[in-house]
Amino acid sequence: MTSISHMDVKFLWGNSNYDYVCSESLGNSGGILCIWEASIFKKINTTVSDNFIAIYGTWLPTNSKILFIAIYAPQQTSCKRKLWDYISNIVGRWNGESIIMGDFNEVRSSEERRGSCFNPYSARYFDRFISNAGLVDVTLEGYAFTWAHPSASKMSKLDRFLVSDGIFSLFPSITAICLDRHLSDHRPILLREVKLDFGPTPFRFYHSWFDYVGFDDMIKLSWHSFSHSDTNGMIRFKKKLQDLKKIIRSWIKAKKLEISGSKNEMISELGAIDKDMDRGVFDDDTVFRRFELKHKLLNVSEMESKDNFQKSKVKWAVEGDENSKFFHGIINKRRAQLAIRGIFVDGFWETEPGMIKDAFFNHFASRFKEPANHRFKLNFEFNKKLHQNQMEDLERSVSRDEIRRAVWSCGDNKSPGPDGFTFEFFKKYWDCIGSDFCEAVECFKSGSAQFWMSWMDIIRVGQVMGYSMEGCVKDLENIIGKQGEDNVIR
């Protein structure tokens, strides 16, 4: 690309409401062309180089300062290192958010390269550049590699989007996808916001609810009022939790409306008192009332911040210390990175929520179906066997004390399943819920022994081998989590 005119850009863009910057080609390498909608992004300044274009400006819909950098990195390792250092310096001096995109001609791990040599030193330097600049590599959905040799013998992930943490707050539903390459050796990559509706938000229990006045009484009265007659302990326990979730949702909704109204009233009254104090019209009762309002308002803010702590799953160094922007950034970042925006179905990328749900359902239904009647058998003697007392210990019934100790060995913020209740909830209300919990576990062990090994049995095996209760539970959580990762299709 030696030169480009306004007419060329208008033909590419499709209308006249645009602005653009270009960098001419260098040798056999093509140039860089950046075009944007003038009503969305307002350019403040630009820096044009042989290997990148930096555009400083304002994202008009949110009036946010954003730096866009389009990169076409050189092949030489030494030149790339100089480029990373220069870009890192630009990002460090910019007082706003950053989005860096393009062909970096570099990979971060050996998994991102196939059929060609991997340079660990160059990859390590590239990783250090991303970390030092405070950038996040946006997960590319769709195809795994962005470049392929015409013979398909070599493939690499050379193209990517690197963004600052604040981008996830500005665009919570941001996602990146790798598209079909057709005639080119590079696949186009697209950064966009995709808002998918997968239906109602799943229930999730927040520990801040423990602090609401009347919450404990509501839980206990509701649980004792249930009268399900199912003989199966698991089904009975499941139905009770389902009914309890409905009651909690309704109670919390009403409580939050009450607190929201009360909070607005406190802020309004506090403002009126401050105005009176500013004019010198106040007495001891007014000062005491102001102190009381500030204390109540602080309690409300602390309860709101607890939800952010739990969502972000970060252990804060100082209890009660709050940085809302920091925690919201972590929440949005994790949500963007873990969200599933699409899935390959029979070789086609599907983004429709119904298709995604069906694909996941069919996948896990096939993985967890009843095993075949004819299974592989090991017809020889093992050198190492369990002793008779160990075999009897594994086959005996699970005691309720074992169940309770297993529950207490799990983290408070760990959810035992998709029901949304955390272990802290079961620990706190064990006196009224514990018996139903134990009956469900006992029913699970007795009714499912022909197909599945009980989680308590796994813990016992670990204890026989010399592991602690807490260690067994943590290992079991890791095993279940790892299996879930291996099973998920992305």
Protein backbone atom coordinates (compact mmCIF):
# COMPACT_ATOMS: atom_id res chain seq x y z
CA MET A 1 0.00 0.00 0.00
CA THR A 2 2.07 2.92 -1.31
CA SER A 3 -0.71 5.52 -1.13
CA ILE A 4 -4.45 5.74 -0.52
CA SER A 5 -6.98 8.47 -1.28
CA HIS A 6 -10.19 9.64 0.36
CA MET A 7 -12.16 8.06 -2.49
CA ASP A 8 -10.53 4.68 -1.81
CA VAL A 9 -11.41 4.91 1.88
CA LYS A 10 -14.97 6.04 1.14
CA PHE A 11 -15.41 3.06 -1.18
CA LEU A 12 -14.19 0.72 1.58
CA TRP A 13 -16.22 2.35 4.39
CA GLY A 14 -19.48 2.84 2.49
CA ASN A 15 -20.28 6.43 3.58
CA SER A 16 -18.67 9.83 4.12
CA ASN A 17 -18.89 9.93 7.93
CA TYR A 18 -15.43 8.56 8.59
CA ASP A 19 -11.87 9.46 9.50
CA TYR A 20 -8.72 7.48 8.78
CA VAL A 21 -4.96 7.19 9.25
CA CYS A 22 -2.58 5.07 7.18
CA SER A 23 1.01 3.93 7.22
CA GLU A 24 2.68 3.20 3.88
CA SER A 25 4.09 -0.21 3.04
CA LEU A 26 7.67 -1.11 3.91
CA GLY A 27 9.38 -3.42 1.41
CA ASN A 28 7.32 -6.56 0.91
CA SER A 29 5.26 -5.83 4.01
CA GLY A 30 1.86 -4.24 3.49
CA GLY A 31 0.92 -0.97 5.10
CA ILE A 32 -1.57 -0.27 7.89
CA LEU A 33 -4.94 1.40 7.37
CA CYS A 34 -7.19 2.46 10.27
CA ILE A 35 -10.73 3.71 9.55
CA TRP A 36 -13.40 4.63 12.11
CA GLU A 37 -16.87 6.17 12.36
CA ALA A 38 -16.42 9.87 13.10
CA SER A 39 -19.65 10.05 15.14
CA ILE A 40 -18.38 7.31 17.53
CA PHE A 41 -14.69 8.07 17.98
CA LYS A 42 -13.07 11.53 17.93
CA LYS A 43 -9.36 11.62 17.14
CA ILE A 44 -7.14 13.83 19.33
CA ASN A 45 -3.69 12.87 18.07
CA THR A 46 -1.88 10.14 16.11
CA THR A 47 1.55 8.55 15.95
CA VAL A 48 2.46 6.82 12.68
CA SER A 49 5.39 4.41 12.39
CA ASP A 50 6.49 1.68 10.00
CA ASN A 51 5.18 -1.03 12.34
CA PHE A 52 2.24 0.59 14.09
CA ILE A 53 -0.33 3.39 14.15
CA ALA A 54 -1.37 4.87 17.52
CA ILE A 55 -4.60 6.86 17.61
CA TYR A 56 -5.39 8.85 20.74
CA GLY A 57 -8.99 9.96 21.11
CA THR A 58 -12.36 9.95 22.84
CA TRP A 59 -15.02 7.24 22.62
CA LEU A 60 -18.01 9.57 22.33
CA PRO A 61 -20.89 7.34 23.60
CA THR A 62 -19.23 7.11 27.05
CA ASN A 63 -16.88 10.14 26.78
CA SER A 64 -13.96 7.81 27.59
CA LYS A 65 -10.34 8.31 26.61
CA ILE A 66 -9.13 5.35 24.52
CA LEU A 67 -5.84 4.68 22.77
CA PHE A 68 -6.06 2.41 19.72
CA ILE A 69 -2.83 0.88 18.42
CA ALA A 70 -2.78 -1.16 15.20
CA ILE A 71 0.36 -3.30 14.93
CA TYR A 72 2.16 -5.03 12.09
CA ALA A 73 5.22 -6.37 13.91
CA PRO A 74 8.52 -7.14 12.13
CA GLN A 75 9.94 -10.64 11.83
CA GLN A 76 13.30 -9.97 13.50
CA THR A 77 13.37 -10.75 17.23
CA SER A 78 15.51 -7.72 18.11
CA CYS A 79 13.18 -5.37 16.23
CA LYS A 80 10.15 -6.87 17.97
CA ARG A 81 11.70 -6.31 21.38
CA LYS A 82 12.33 -2.64 20.56
CA LEU A 83 8.72 -2.37 19.39
CA TRP A 84 7.34 -3.93 22.60
CA ASP A 85 9.40 -1.52 24.71
CA TYR A 86 8.21 1.48 22.69
CA ILE A 87 4.54 0.43 22.82
CA SER A 88 4.81 -0.23 26.57
CA ASN A 89 6.15 3.31 27.02
CA ILE A 90 3.26 4.78 24.99
CA VAL A 91 0.64 2.88 26.99
CA GLY A 92 2.29 3.82 30.29
CA ARG A 93 2.14 7.55 29.50
CA TRP A 94 -1.49 7.46 28.28
CA ASN A 95 -4.09 8.52 30.85
CA GLY A 96 -6.93 6.31 29.65
CA GLU A 97 -7.79 2.86 28.34
CA SER A 98 -5.90 1.03 25.59
CA ILE A 99 -6.72 -1.45 22.81
CA ILE A 100 -3.79 -2.94 20.89
CA MET A 101 -4.57 -5.15 17.92
CA GLY A 102 -3.07 -6.63 14.81
CA ASP A 103 -0.37 -9.02 13.64
CA PHE A 104 2.19 -9.34 16.45
CA ASN A 105 4.24 -12.00 14.61
CA GLU A 106 4.75 -13.65 17.99
CA VAL A 107 3.18 -16.42 20.08
CA ARG A 108 2.92 -16.75 23.85
CA SER A 109 3.30 -20.53 24.22
CA SER A 110 4.19 -23.63 22.25
CA GLU A 111 0.48 -24.49 21.97
CA GLU A 112 0.02 -21.40 19.78
CA ARG A 113 2.42 -22.73 17.14
CA ARG A 114 2.21 -25.93 15.10
CA GLY A 115 4.68 -27.27 12.54
CA SER A 116 7.37 -24.64 13.17
CA CYS A 117 10.01 -23.85 15.77
CA PHE A 118 8.98 -22.25 19.05
CA ASN A 119 11.27 -19.60 20.55
CA PRO A 120 10.72 -19.63 24.35
CA TYR A 121 12.92 -16.58 24.97
CA SER A 122 11.04 -14.40 22.48
CA ALA A 123 7.70 -15.66 23.86
CA ARG A 124 8.82 -14.88 27.42
CA TYR A 125 9.75 -11.32 26.43
CA PHE A 126 6.37 -10.89 24.72
CA ASP A 127 4.61 -12.15 27.87
CA ARG A 128 6.61 -9.74 30.00
CA PHE A 129 5.60 -6.85 27.71
CA ILE A 130 1.89 -7.73 28.11
CA SER A 131 2.21 -8.01 31.88
CA ASN A 132 4.29 -4.84 32.38
CA ALA A 133 1.91 -2.79 30.22
CA GLY A 134 -1.05 -3.97 32.31
CA LEU A 135 -2.76 -5.56 29.31
CA VAL A 136 -5.08 -8.55 29.00
CA ASP A 137 -5.06 -10.96 26.07
CA VAL A 138 -8.72 -11.24 25.00
CA THR A 139 -9.64 -14.88 24.44
CA LEU A 140 -10.19 -15.61 20.74
CA GLU A 141 -13.22 -17.77 20.08
CA GLY A 142 -13.68 -19.81 16.95
CA TYR A 143 -10.49 -21.05 15.29
CA ALA A 144 -7.36 -21.67 17.36
CA PHE A 145 -4.83 -20.32 14.82
CA THR A 146 -4.92 -17.01 12.96
CA TRP A 147 -2.25 -17.76 10.35
CA ALA A 148 -1.66 -20.85 8.22
CA HIS A 149 0.81 -21.80 5.51
CA PRO A 150 -0.88 -22.54 2.13
CA SER A 151 0.05 -26.20 2.60
CA ALA A 152 -1.49 -26.15 6.13
CA SER A 153 1.74 -27.71 7.43
CA LYS A 154 2.43 -24.66 9.61
CA MET A 155 -0.04 -22.75 11.79
CA SER A 156 0.37 -20.03 14.41
CA LYS A 157 -1.68 -17.65 16.52
CA LEU A 158 -0.03 -14.38 15.48
CA ASP A 159 -3.00 -11.99 15.61
CA ARG A 160 -4.72 -10.96 18.83
CA PHE A 161 -6.33 -8.16 20.85
CA LEU A 162 -4.62 -6.79 23.96
CA VAL A 163 -6.73 -4.47 26.12
CA SER A 164 -6.40 -2.66 29.44
CA ASP A 165 -8.51 -3.81 32.39
CA GLY A 166 -10.81 -0.79 32.18
CA ILE A 167 -12.06 -1.87 28.75
CA PHE A 168 -14.05 -4.65 30.43
CA SER A 169 -15.86 -2.03 32.52
CA LEU A 170 -16.67 0.10 29.47
CA PHE A 171 -17.73 -2.89 27.38
CA PRO A 172 -18.83 -5.72 29.75
CA SER A 173 -19.98 -8.01 26.91
CA ILE A 174 -16.80 -7.68 24.85
CA THR A 175 -15.62 -10.75 22.96
CA ALA A 176 -13.20 -11.63 20.15
CA ILE A 177 -13.70 -14.13 17.36
CA CYS A 178 -11.44 -15.60 14.69
CA LEU A 179 -13.25 -15.72 11.32
CA ASP A 180 -12.79 -17.76 8.12
CA ARG A 181 -9.70 -16.85 6.11
CA HIS A 182 -10.85 -17.94 2.63
CA LEU A 183 -8.10 -16.79 0.19
CA SER A 184 -5.79 -15.09 2.71
CA ASP A 185 -3.13 -16.78 4.81
CA HIS A 186 -4.38 -14.78 7.84
CA ARG A 187 -7.79 -15.19 9.43
CA PRO A 188 -9.57 -11.91 10.20
CA ILE A 189 -10.16 -11.28 13.91
CA LEU A 190 -13.12 -9.28 15.18
CA LEU A 191 -13.54 -7.50 18.53
CA ARG A 192 -17.18 -6.80 19.36
CA GLU A 193 -19.83 -6.66 22.05
CA VAL A 194 -22.18 -9.65 22.02
CA LYS A 195 -25.13 -9.60 24.41
CA LEU A 196 -26.77 -13.02 24.48
CA ASP A 197 -29.89 -13.85 26.45
CA PHE A 198 -29.64 -17.35 27.90
CA GLY A 199 -32.77 -16.89 29.99
CA PRO A 200 -33.21 -16.09 33.69
CA THR A 201 -30.10 -15.45 35.77
CA PRO A 202 -29.26 -18.51 37.92
CA PHE A 203 -29.77 -18.15 41.66
CA ARG A 204 -26.69 -17.27 43.69
CA PHE A 205 -26.48 -16.91 47.43
CA TYR A 206 -24.62 -13.87 48.77
CA HIS A 207 -23.14 -13.85 52.27
CA SER A 208 -24.18 -10.23 52.82
CA TRP A 209 -27.75 -11.49 53.22
CA PHE A 210 -26.78 -12.95 56.60
CA ASP A 211 -26.61 -9.38 57.94
CA TYR A 212 -30.20 -8.52 57.00
CA VAL A 213 -32.47 -8.26 60.02
CA GLY A 214 -34.98 -11.11 59.98
CA PHE A 215 -33.14 -13.22 57.40
CA ASP A 216 -32.24 -16.03 59.84
CA ASP A 217 -35.83 -16.31 61.10
CA MET A 218 -37.15 -16.36 57.53
CA ILE A 219 -34.83 -19.26 56.58
CA LYS A 220 -35.68 -21.36 59.63
CA LEU A 221 -39.43 -20.77 59.49
CA SER A 222 -39.56 -21.45 55.74
CA TRP A 223 -37.54 -24.68 55.98
CA HIS A 224 -39.64 -26.11 58.78
CA SER A 225 -42.84 -25.18 56.92
CA PHE A 226 -42.04 -27.43 53.94
CA SER A 227 -43.92 -30.72 53.93
CA HIS A 228 -42.71 -32.71 50.93
CA SER A 229 -43.69 -36.38 51.15
CA ASP A 230 -41.17 -37.87 48.70
CA THR A 231 -39.54 -41.03 50.03
CA ASN A 232 -36.34 -40.27 48.08
CA GLY A 233 -34.19 -38.06 50.29
CA MET A 234 -32.37 -36.45 47.36
CA ILE A 235 -35.59 -35.41 45.60
CA ARG A 236 -37.08 -34.17 48.85
CA PHE A 237 -33.97 -32.11 49.60
CA LYS A 238 -33.89 -30.73 46.04
CA LYS A 239 -37.55 -29.63 46.21
CA LYS A 240 -36.99 -27.92 49.55
CA LEU A 241 -34.04 -25.98 48.16
CA GLN A 242 -36.08 -24.99 45.10
CA ASP A 243 -38.94 -23.72 47.27
CA LEU A 244 -36.48 -21.93 49.55
CA LYS A 245 -34.87 -20.16 46.59
CA LYS A 246 -38.24 -18.74 45.53
CA ILE A 247 -38.89 -17.42 49.03
CA ILE A 248 -35.36 -15.95 49.33
CA ARG A 249 -35.63 -14.22 45.94
CA SER A 250 -38.91 -12.58 46.89
CA TRP A 251 -37.72 -11.63 50.39
CA ILE A 252 -34.40 -10.18 49.17
CA LYS A 253 -36.11 -8.21 46.39
CA ALA A 254 -38.47 -6.56 48.88
CA LYS A 255 -35.60 -5.97 51.33
CA LYS A 256 -33.40 -4.31 48.70
CA LEU A 257 -36.24 -2.01 47.65
CA GLU A 258 -36.68 -1.06 51.28
CA ILE A 259 -32.94 -0.46 51.75
CA SER A 260 -32.69 1.51 48.50
CA GLY A 261 -35.49 3.83 49.58
CA SER A 262 -33.99 4.14 53.03
CA LYS A 263 -30.54 4.88 51.55
CA ASN A 264 -31.91 7.67 49.36
CA GLU A 265 -33.73 9.17 52.35
CA MET A 266 -30.55 9.04 54.45
CA ILE A 267 -28.50 10.73 51.70
CA SER A 268 -31.16 13.43 51.33
CA GLU A 269 -31.38 14.06 55.08
CA LEU A 270 -27.59 14.05 55.40
CA GLY A 271 -27.37 16.68 52.65
CA ALA A 272 -29.94 18.86 54.40
CA ILE A 273 -28.03 18.61 57.70
CA ASP A 274 -24.76 19.52 55.97
CA LYS A 275 -26.39 22.63 54.51
CA ASP A 276 -27.64 23.67 57.96
CA MET A 277 -24.21 23.07 59.49
CA ASP A 278 -22.61 25.09 56.70
CA ARG A 279 -24.86 28.04 57.68
CA GLY A 280 -24.05 27.48 61.36
CA VAL A 281 -27.59 26.37 62.26
CA PHE A 282 -27.11 23.20 64.30
CA ASP A 283 -27.04 21.83 67.84
CA ASP A 284 -25.85 18.67 69.61
CA ASP A 285 -28.90 16.66 68.47
CA THR A 286 -28.16 17.59 64.85
CA VAL A 287 -24.53 16.47 65.19
CA PHE A 288 -25.62 13.19 66.79
CA ARG A 289 -28.21 12.63 64.04
CA ARG A 290 -25.56 13.23 61.38
CA PHE A 291 -23.25 10.72 63.05
CA GLU A 292 -26.11 8.19 63.21
CA LEU A 293 -26.97 8.67 59.53
CA LYS A 294 -23.33 8.27 58.47
CA HIS A 295 -23.07 5.04 60.48
CA LYS A 296 -26.22 3.60 58.87
CA LEU A 297 -25.08 4.66 55.41
CA LEU A 298 -21.68 3.06 56.01
CA ASN A 299 -23.37 -0.22 56.97
CA VAL A 300 -25.40 -0.19 53.75
CA SER A 301 -22.26 0.48 51.68
CA GLU A 302 -20.37 -2.32 53.42
CA MET A 303 -23.16 -4.79 52.65
CA GLU A 304 -23.08 -3.75 48.99
CA SER A 305 -19.30 -4.10 48.85
CA LYS A 306 -19.50 -7.64 50.31
CA ASP A 307 -21.35 -8.76 47.18
CA ASN A 308 -18.56 -7.31 45.01
CA PHE A 309 -15.92 -9.13 47.08
CA GLN A 310 -17.77 -12.43 46.67
CA LYS A 311 -18.32 -11.92 42.93
CA SER A 312 -14.69 -11.04 42.29
CA LYS A 313 -13.44 -13.97 44.46
CA VAL A 314 -10.45 -11.91 45.59
CA LYS A 315 -9.07 -12.06 49.13
CA TRP A 316 -8.55 -8.43 50.06
CA ALA A 317 -5.58 -7.68 52.30
CA VAL A 318 -7.42 -5.25 54.58
CA GLU A 319 -10.87 -6.28 55.72
CA GLY A 320 -13.38 -3.56 54.96
CA ASP A 321 -11.11 -1.75 52.50
CA GLU A 322 -13.11 -0.94 49.39
CA ASN A 323 -12.16 -0.05 45.84
CA SER A 324 -15.35 -0.37 43.80
CA LYS A 325 -13.69 0.32 40.46
CA PHE A 326 -11.05 -2.34 41.13
CA PHE A 327 -13.56 -5.04 42.07
CA HIS A 328 -15.99 -4.15 39.29
CA GLY A 329 -13.07 -4.38 36.88
CA ILE A 330 -12.17 -7.87 38.12
CA ILE A 331 -15.82 -8.99 37.91
CA ASN A 332 -16.27 -7.68 34.35
CA LYS A 333 -12.91 -9.09 33.27
CA ARG A 334 -13.70 -12.55 34.62
CA ARG A 335 -17.21 -12.43 33.17
CA ALA A 336 -15.88 -11.47 29.72
CA GLN A 337 -13.17 -14.14 29.75
CA LEU A 338 -15.41 -16.97 30.97
CA ALA A 339 -18.55 -16.11 29.01
CA ILE A 340 -19.42 -18.48 26.18
CA ARG A 341 -20.50 -16.43 23.16
CA GLY A 342 -20.58 -19.25 20.62
CA ILE A 343 -19.74 -22.86 19.88
CA PHE A 344 -18.74 -25.04 16.93
CA VAL A 345 -21.63 -27.31 15.87
CA ASP A 346 -20.84 -29.67 12.98
CA GLY A 347 -18.05 -27.34 11.83
CA PHE A 348 -20.12 -24.14 11.97
CA TRP A 349 -19.78 -21.38 14.56
CA GLU A 350 -23.17 -20.92 16.23
CA THR A 351 -24.05 -17.93 18.43
CA GLU A 352 -27.79 -18.44 18.85
CA PRO A 353 -28.51 -19.21 22.56
CA GLY A 354 -30.89 -22.08 21.78
CA MET A 355 -28.29 -23.83 19.60
CA ILE A 356 -25.59 -23.36 22.26
CA LYS A 357 -27.83 -24.80 24.99
CA ASP A 358 -28.74 -27.83 22.84
CA ALA A 359 -25.09 -28.49 21.97
CA PHE A 360 -24.02 -28.47 25.63
CA PHE A 361 -26.99 -30.58 26.68
CA ASN A 362 -26.32 -33.22 24.00
CA HIS A 363 -22.59 -33.29 24.78
CA PHE A 364 -22.98 -33.87 28.51
CA ALA A 365 -25.93 -36.24 28.00
CA SER A 366 -23.66 -38.48 25.92
CA ARG A 367 -20.81 -38.22 28.45
CA PHE A 368 -22.95 -39.09 31.47
CA LYS A 369 -25.21 -41.72 29.96
CA GLU A 370 -25.48 -45.15 31.59
CA PRO A 371 -22.36 -47.25 30.88
CA ALA A 372 -22.64 -50.25 28.57
CA ASN A 373 -23.54 -53.64 30.09
CA HIS A 374 -20.39 -55.30 28.78
CA ARG A 375 -17.41 -53.59 30.33
CA PHE A 376 -13.69 -54.24 30.28
CA LYS A 377 -12.58 -56.49 33.15
CA LEU A 378 -9.15 -57.03 34.67
CA ASN A 379 -8.77 -60.79 35.11
CA PHE A 380 -5.56 -61.02 37.15
CA GLU A 381 -4.40 -60.67 40.72
CA PHE A 382 -3.12 -57.36 42.06
CA ASN A 383 0.04 -57.38 44.14
CA LYS A 384 -1.19 -54.65 46.46
CA LYS A 385 -4.61 -55.01 48.04
CA LEU A 386 -6.54 -53.29 50.78
CA HIS A 387 -6.72 -55.03 54.11
CA GLN A 388 -10.00 -56.55 55.20
CA ASN A 389 -10.69 -53.79 57.72
CA GLN A 390 -10.01 -51.17 55.02
CA MET A 391 -12.46 -52.85 52.63
CA GLU A 392 -15.10 -52.99 55.34
CA ASP A 393 -14.50 -49.34 56.13
CA LEU A 394 -15.05 -48.37 52.48
CA GLU A 395 -18.25 -50.41 52.16
CA ARG A 396 -19.90 -49.38 55.40
CA SER A 397 -22.56 -46.70 55.53
CA VAL A 398 -21.50 -43.07 55.65
CA SER A 399 -21.90 -41.62 59.11
CA ARG A 400 -23.46 -38.20 59.60
CA ASP A 401 -20.40 -37.06 61.46
CA GLU A 402 -18.29 -37.83 58.36
CA ILE A 403 -20.69 -35.85 56.19
CA ARG A 404 -20.55 -32.91 58.58
CA ARG A 405 -16.73 -32.97 58.73
CA ALA A 406 -16.56 -33.11 54.91
CA VAL A 407 -18.83 -30.07 54.62
CA TRP A 408 -16.81 -28.13 57.22
CA SER A 409 -13.59 -28.95 55.33
CA CYS A 410 -14.82 -27.12 52.21
CA GLY A 411 -14.36 -23.41 51.54
CA ASP A 412 -17.15 -21.08 52.61
CA ASN A 413 -17.50 -19.51 49.18
CA LYS A 414 -17.51 -22.82 47.31
CA SER A 415 -20.82 -23.86 45.80
CA PRO A 416 -21.58 -27.61 46.08
CA GLY A 417 -23.51 -27.54 42.83
CA PRO A 418 -25.58 -25.46 40.39
CA ASP A 419 -28.20 -24.73 43.08
CA GLY A 420 -26.28 -21.56 44.02
CA PHE A 421 -26.04 -22.22 47.78
CA THR A 422 -22.55 -21.96 49.24
CA PHE A 423 -21.05 -24.16 51.96
CA GLU A 424 -21.23 -21.26 54.41
CA PHE A 425 -25.01 -21.31 54.03
CA PHE A 426 -25.18 -25.00 54.99
CA LYS A 427 -22.75 -24.49 57.86
CA LYS A 428 -24.71 -21.56 59.27
CA TYR A 429 -28.08 -23.33 59.15
CA TRP A 430 -26.85 -26.87 59.76
CA ASP A 431 -29.04 -27.24 62.85
CA CYS A 432 -32.22 -27.06 60.76
CA ILE A 433 -30.97 -28.18 57.32
CA GLY A 434 -28.26 -30.69 58.30
CA SER A 435 -30.55 -33.70 58.74
CA ASP A 436 -32.07 -33.24 55.26
CA PHE A 437 -28.59 -32.74 53.81
CA CYS A 438 -27.38 -36.00 55.36
CA GLU A 439 -30.46 -37.92 54.19
CA ALA A 440 -29.80 -36.72 50.63
CA VAL A 441 -26.18 -37.93 50.78
CA GLU A 442 -27.24 -41.28 52.29
CA CYS A 443 -29.89 -41.73 49.59
CA PHE A 444 -27.35 -40.86 46.90
CA LYS A 445 -24.91 -43.48 48.18
CA SER A 446 -27.47 -46.24 48.53
CA GLY A 447 -29.31 -45.56 45.27
CA SER A 448 -26.39 -44.81 42.94
CA ALA A 449 -23.80 -47.33 44.05
CA GLN A 450 -24.21 -49.44 40.90
CA PHE A 451 -22.93 -46.61 38.67
CA TRP A 452 -21.04 -44.01 40.68
CA MET A 453 -18.62 -43.96 43.59
CA SER A 454 -19.83 -41.67 46.36
CA TRP A 455 -17.74 -38.58 47.07
CA MET A 456 -17.45 -39.81 50.65
CA ASP A 457 -15.90 -43.04 49.36
CA ILE A 458 -13.32 -41.02 47.45
CA ILE A 459 -12.48 -39.13 50.62
CA ARG A 460 -12.15 -42.43 52.51
CA VAL A 461 -9.77 -43.82 49.90
CA GLY A 462 -7.64 -40.72 50.33
CA GLN A 463 -7.65 -41.12 54.11
CA VAL A 464 -6.58 -44.76 53.76
CA MET A 465 -3.65 -43.52 51.66
CA GLY A 466 -2.71 -41.05 54.41
CA TYR A 467 -4.31 -37.79 53.21
CA SER A 468 -6.12 -35.37 55.53
CA MET A 469 -9.87 -34.73 55.26
CA GLU A 470 -9.30 -31.17 54.02
CA GLY A 471 -6.73 -32.33 51.47
CA CYS A 472 -9.08 -34.99 50.12
CA VAL A 473 -11.91 -32.51 49.69
CA LYS A 474 -9.63 -30.01 47.91
CA ASP A 475 -8.26 -32.72 45.61
CA LEU A 476 -11.79 -33.86 44.86
CA GLU A 477 -12.80 -30.30 43.99
CA ASN A 478 -9.81 -30.01 41.65
CA ILE A 479 -10.63 -33.34 39.99
CA ILE A 480 -14.25 -32.35 39.42
CA GLY A 481 -13.21 -28.91 38.17
CA LYS A 482 -10.57 -30.36 35.81
CA GLN A 483 -13.05 -32.87 34.43
CA GLY A 484 -15.49 -30.03 33.80
CA GLU A 485 -12.83 -28.10 31.90
CA ASP A 486 -11.96 -31.12 29.77
CA ASN A 487 -15.62 -31.76 28.97
CA VAL A 488 -16.60 -28.23 27.96
CA ILE A 489 -16.60 -27.58 24.20
CA ARG A 490 -15.56 -24.08 23.28
